[in-house]
Amino acid sequence: MTAQPPSLLQVFSSVERRVSPRLEEWVRSGAFLDAVAVVNNLSRGGARTVEGALASVLEAVGVPSARQVRSLQKSLDRLADDRTGG
């Protein structure tokens, strides 16, 4: 009888049994949560920077930006509330 090589499922299961506890411990650690928070903040900051730059370019060429439209919408909502007594 010749020895059969392990199946992909057997290899995956073996690796998963060894790696999972360590990975789960790391994911639940404070260092991981801190890293996620830093990456999330950097991502949001980068998105705001890009949005602000795009809005500035649009405003410079005379196209209303999303922030101008939001500001206008808030003003119109306030006027409507004032007129209806809301």
N, C-alpha and C. Protein backbone atom coordinates (compact mmCIF):
# COMPACT_ATOMS: atom_id res chain seq x y z
N MET A 1 0.83 -1.19 0.00
CA MET A 1 0.00 0.00 0.00
C MET A 1 0.87 1.24 0.00
N THR A 2 0.52 2.20 -0.84
CA THR A 2 1.26 3.45 -0.87
C THR A 2 0.54 4.48 -0.02
N ALA A 3 1.32 5.32 0.59
CA ALA A 3 0.75 6.37 1.44
C ALA A 3 0.16 7.45 0.56
N GLN A 4 -1.05 7.85 0.88
CA GLN A 4 -1.72 8.90 0.12
C GLN A 4 -1.33 10.26 0.70
N PRO A 5 -1.10 11.24 -0.16
CA PRO A 5 -0.82 12.58 0.36
C PRO A 5 -2.07 13.13 1.03
N PRO A 6 -1.90 14.02 2.00
CA PRO A 6 -3.08 14.57 2.68
C PRO A 6 -3.91 15.40 1.71
N SER A 7 -5.21 15.36 1.93
CA SER A 7 -6.10 16.15 1.08
C SER A 7 -6.01 17.62 1.47
N LEU A 8 -6.49 18.45 0.60
CA LEU A 8 -6.48 19.89 0.86
C LEU A 8 -7.28 20.21 2.13
N LEU A 9 -8.38 19.51 2.33
CA LEU A 9 -9.20 19.73 3.52
C LEU A 9 -8.43 19.36 4.78
N GLN A 10 -7.69 18.27 4.75
CA GLN A 10 -6.90 17.86 5.91
C GLN A 10 -5.82 18.89 6.22
N VAL A 11 -5.16 19.38 5.19
CA VAL A 11 -4.12 20.39 5.38
C VAL A 11 -4.72 21.66 5.95
N PHE A 12 -5.84 22.11 5.36
CA PHE A 12 -6.49 23.32 5.84
C PHE A 12 -6.92 23.17 7.30
N SER A 13 -7.53 22.04 7.64
CA SER A 13 -7.99 21.80 9.00
C SER A 13 -6.84 21.80 9.99
N SER A 14 -5.74 21.19 9.61
CA SER A 14 -4.57 21.14 10.48
C SER A 14 -4.02 22.54 10.73
N VAL A 15 -3.88 23.32 9.67
CA VAL A 15 -3.37 24.68 9.80
C VAL A 15 -4.33 25.53 10.62
N GLU A 16 -5.61 25.37 10.36
CA GLU A 16 -6.62 26.16 11.06
C GLU A 16 -6.60 25.87 12.55
N ARG A 17 -6.45 24.60 12.94
CA ARG A 17 -6.40 24.23 14.36
C ARG A 17 -5.21 24.87 15.07
N ARG A 18 -4.11 25.01 14.36
CA ARG A 18 -2.92 25.59 14.97
C ARG A 18 -2.94 27.12 14.99
N VAL A 19 -3.49 27.71 13.95
CA VAL A 19 -3.43 29.16 13.79
C VAL A 19 -4.58 29.88 14.50
N SER A 20 -5.76 29.28 14.49
CA SER A 20 -6.95 29.95 15.03
C SER A 20 -6.81 30.47 16.45
N PRO A 21 -6.35 29.66 17.40
CA PRO A 21 -6.27 30.19 18.77
C PRO A 21 -5.35 31.40 18.88
N ARG A 22 -4.22 31.36 18.19
CA ARG A 22 -3.29 32.50 18.25
C ARG A 22 -3.88 33.72 17.57
N LEU A 23 -4.50 33.50 16.43
CA LEU A 23 -5.10 34.61 15.69
C LEU A 23 -6.25 35.23 16.49
N GLU A 24 -7.08 34.40 17.10
CA GLU A 24 -8.18 34.92 17.89
C GLU A 24 -7.66 35.71 19.10
N GLU A 25 -6.63 35.20 19.72
CA GLU A 25 -6.03 35.91 20.86
C GLU A 25 -5.50 37.27 20.43
N TRP A 26 -4.86 37.33 19.27
CA TRP A 26 -4.31 38.58 18.77
C TRP A 26 -5.41 39.57 18.40
N VAL A 27 -6.48 39.06 17.75
CA VAL A 27 -7.59 39.94 17.34
C VAL A 27 -8.29 40.54 18.55
N ARG A 28 -8.31 39.83 19.66
CA ARG A 28 -8.97 40.33 20.87
C ARG A 28 -8.04 41.19 21.72
N SER A 29 -6.82 41.38 21.28
CA SER A 29 -5.85 42.14 22.08
C SER A 29 -6.06 43.64 21.92
N GLY A 30 -5.56 44.37 22.89
CA GLY A 30 -5.63 45.83 22.83
C GLY A 30 -4.82 46.40 21.69
N ALA A 31 -3.69 45.76 21.37
CA ALA A 31 -2.84 46.25 20.28
C ALA A 31 -3.58 46.20 18.95
N PHE A 32 -4.32 45.12 18.72
CA PHE A 32 -5.08 44.99 17.47
C PHE A 32 -6.16 46.07 17.41
N LEU A 33 -6.88 46.26 18.52
CA LEU A 33 -7.94 47.27 18.53
C LEU A 33 -7.36 48.68 18.32
N ASP A 34 -6.20 48.93 18.91
CA ASP A 34 -5.54 50.22 18.69
C ASP A 34 -5.17 50.40 17.23
N ALA A 35 -4.64 49.34 16.62
CA ALA A 35 -4.24 49.41 15.21
C ALA A 35 -5.45 49.66 14.32
N VAL A 36 -6.57 48.99 14.61
CA VAL A 36 -7.79 49.20 13.84
C VAL A 36 -8.27 50.64 13.98
N ALA A 37 -8.22 51.17 15.19
CA ALA A 37 -8.66 52.55 15.42
C ALA A 37 -7.79 53.54 14.65
N VAL A 38 -6.47 53.33 14.66
CA VAL A 38 -5.56 54.22 13.94
C VAL A 38 -5.83 54.17 12.44
N VAL A 39 -5.97 52.96 11.90
CA VAL A 39 -6.23 52.81 10.46
C VAL A 39 -7.56 53.45 10.09
N ASN A 40 -8.57 53.27 10.94
CA ASN A 40 -9.88 53.85 10.68
C ASN A 40 -9.80 55.38 10.67
N ASN A 41 -9.10 55.95 11.64
CA ASN A 41 -8.96 57.41 11.70
C ASN A 41 -8.19 57.95 10.50
N LEU A 42 -7.12 57.27 10.12
CA LEU A 42 -6.35 57.69 8.95
C LEU A 42 -7.20 57.63 7.69
N SER A 43 -7.98 56.58 7.58
CA SER A 43 -8.84 56.41 6.42
C SER A 43 -9.88 57.54 6.33
N ARG A 44 -10.52 57.82 7.46
CA ARG A 44 -11.51 58.90 7.48
C ARG A 44 -10.87 60.25 7.19
N GLY A 45 -9.70 60.48 7.80
CA GLY A 45 -9.01 61.75 7.57
C GLY A 45 -8.62 61.91 6.11
N GLY A 46 -8.15 60.84 5.51
CA GLY A 46 -7.80 60.89 4.09
C GLY A 46 -9.00 61.16 3.21
N ALA A 47 -10.12 60.53 3.54
CA ALA A 47 -11.35 60.75 2.77
C ALA A 47 -11.81 62.20 2.90
N ARG A 48 -11.74 62.74 4.12
CA ARG A 48 -12.14 64.15 4.31
C ARG A 48 -11.22 65.09 3.54
N THR A 49 -9.92 64.78 3.52
CA THR A 49 -8.97 65.62 2.79
C THR A 49 -9.29 65.62 1.30
N VAL A 50 -9.55 64.43 0.77
CA VAL A 50 -9.87 64.32 -0.67
C VAL A 50 -11.18 65.04 -0.97
N GLU A 51 -12.19 64.85 -0.12
CA GLU A 51 -13.47 65.52 -0.34
C GLU A 51 -13.32 67.04 -0.28
N GLY A 52 -12.53 67.52 0.68
CA GLY A 52 -12.32 68.96 0.81
C GLY A 52 -11.59 69.53 -0.39
N ALA A 53 -10.58 68.81 -0.88
CA ALA A 53 -9.83 69.28 -2.05
C ALA A 53 -10.73 69.31 -3.27
N LEU A 54 -11.53 68.28 -3.45
CA LEU A 54 -12.45 68.23 -4.59
C LEU A 54 -13.47 69.35 -4.51
N ALA A 55 -14.00 69.59 -3.30
CA ALA A 55 -14.98 70.67 -3.13
C ALA A 55 -14.35 72.02 -3.46
N SER A 56 -13.11 72.22 -3.04
CA SER A 56 -12.43 73.49 -3.33
C SER A 56 -12.24 73.68 -4.83
N VAL A 57 -11.87 72.62 -5.52
CA VAL A 57 -11.69 72.70 -6.98
C VAL A 57 -13.03 73.01 -7.65
N LEU A 58 -14.08 72.31 -7.24
CA LEU A 58 -15.39 72.55 -7.85
C LEU A 58 -15.85 73.99 -7.61
N GLU A 59 -15.66 74.47 -6.36
CA GLU A 59 -16.07 75.83 -6.05
C GLU A 59 -15.25 76.85 -6.83
N ALA A 60 -13.98 76.55 -7.07
CA ALA A 60 -13.11 77.47 -7.81
C ALA A 60 -13.57 77.64 -9.26
N VAL A 61 -14.14 76.59 -9.83
CA VAL A 61 -14.59 76.69 -11.22
C VAL A 61 -16.07 77.05 -11.31
N GLY A 62 -16.71 77.29 -10.16
CA GLY A 62 -18.09 77.77 -10.17
C GLY A 62 -19.15 76.69 -10.09
N VAL A 63 -18.76 75.46 -9.86
CA VAL A 63 -19.74 74.37 -9.72
C VAL A 63 -20.04 74.20 -8.23
N PRO A 64 -21.31 74.15 -7.85
CA PRO A 64 -21.61 73.99 -6.44
C PRO A 64 -21.13 72.63 -5.93
N SER A 65 -20.49 72.66 -4.79
CA SER A 65 -20.00 71.42 -4.18
C SER A 65 -21.07 70.84 -3.27
N ALA A 66 -20.84 69.63 -2.82
CA ALA A 66 -21.80 68.97 -1.93
C ALA A 66 -21.96 69.75 -0.63
N ARG A 67 -20.87 70.33 -0.12
CA ARG A 67 -21.01 71.07 1.13
C ARG A 67 -21.83 72.34 0.93
N GLN A 68 -21.72 72.98 -0.25
CA GLN A 68 -22.55 74.15 -0.52
C GLN A 68 -24.02 73.75 -0.65
N VAL A 69 -24.28 72.63 -1.28
CA VAL A 69 -25.66 72.16 -1.44
C VAL A 69 -26.24 71.81 -0.08
N ARG A 70 -25.45 71.14 0.78
CA ARG A 70 -25.93 70.82 2.14
C ARG A 70 -26.24 72.09 2.93
N SER A 71 -25.37 73.08 2.82
CA SER A 71 -25.58 74.34 3.52
C SER A 71 -26.84 75.03 3.03
N LEU A 72 -27.04 75.05 1.74
CA LEU A 72 -28.24 75.65 1.16
C LEU A 72 -29.48 74.90 1.62
N GLN A 73 -29.40 73.56 1.64
CA GLN A 73 -30.55 72.76 2.05
C GLN A 73 -30.90 73.03 3.52
N LYS A 74 -29.90 73.17 4.37
CA LYS A 74 -30.15 73.48 5.78
C LYS A 74 -30.84 74.83 5.91
N SER A 75 -30.37 75.82 5.14
CA SER A 75 -30.97 77.15 5.18
C SER A 75 -32.43 77.11 4.73
N LEU A 76 -32.69 76.37 3.67
CA LEU A 76 -34.06 76.25 3.17
C LEU A 76 -34.95 75.52 4.18
N ASP A 77 -34.41 74.50 4.82
CA ASP A 77 -35.18 73.78 5.83
C ASP A 77 -35.52 74.68 7.01
N ARG A 78 -34.55 75.53 7.43
CA ARG A 78 -34.80 76.45 8.53
C ARG A 78 -35.89 77.46 8.14
N LEU A 79 -35.82 77.96 6.91
CA LEU A 79 -36.85 78.90 6.45
C LEU A 79 -38.22 78.26 6.44
N ALA A 80 -38.29 77.03 5.97
CA ALA A 80 -39.58 76.32 5.92
C ALA A 80 -40.11 76.10 7.35
N ASP A 81 -39.21 75.75 8.26
CA ASP A 81 -39.64 75.56 9.65
C ASP A 81 -40.14 76.84 10.26
N ASP A 82 -39.47 77.95 9.96
CA ASP A 82 -39.88 79.26 10.50
C ASP A 82 -41.26 79.65 9.99
N ARG A 83 -41.52 79.35 8.73
CA ARG A 83 -42.82 79.72 8.14
C ARG A 83 -43.96 78.86 8.65
N THR A 84 -43.67 77.60 8.91
CA THR A 84 -44.74 76.70 9.36
C THR A 84 -44.86 76.68 10.89
N GLY A 85 -43.95 77.36 11.55
CA GLY A 85 -44.01 77.40 13.02
C GLY A 85 -43.45 76.14 13.65
N GLY A 86 -42.64 75.37 12.89
CA GLY A 86 -42.09 74.11 13.39
C GLY A 86 -40.84 74.27 14.07
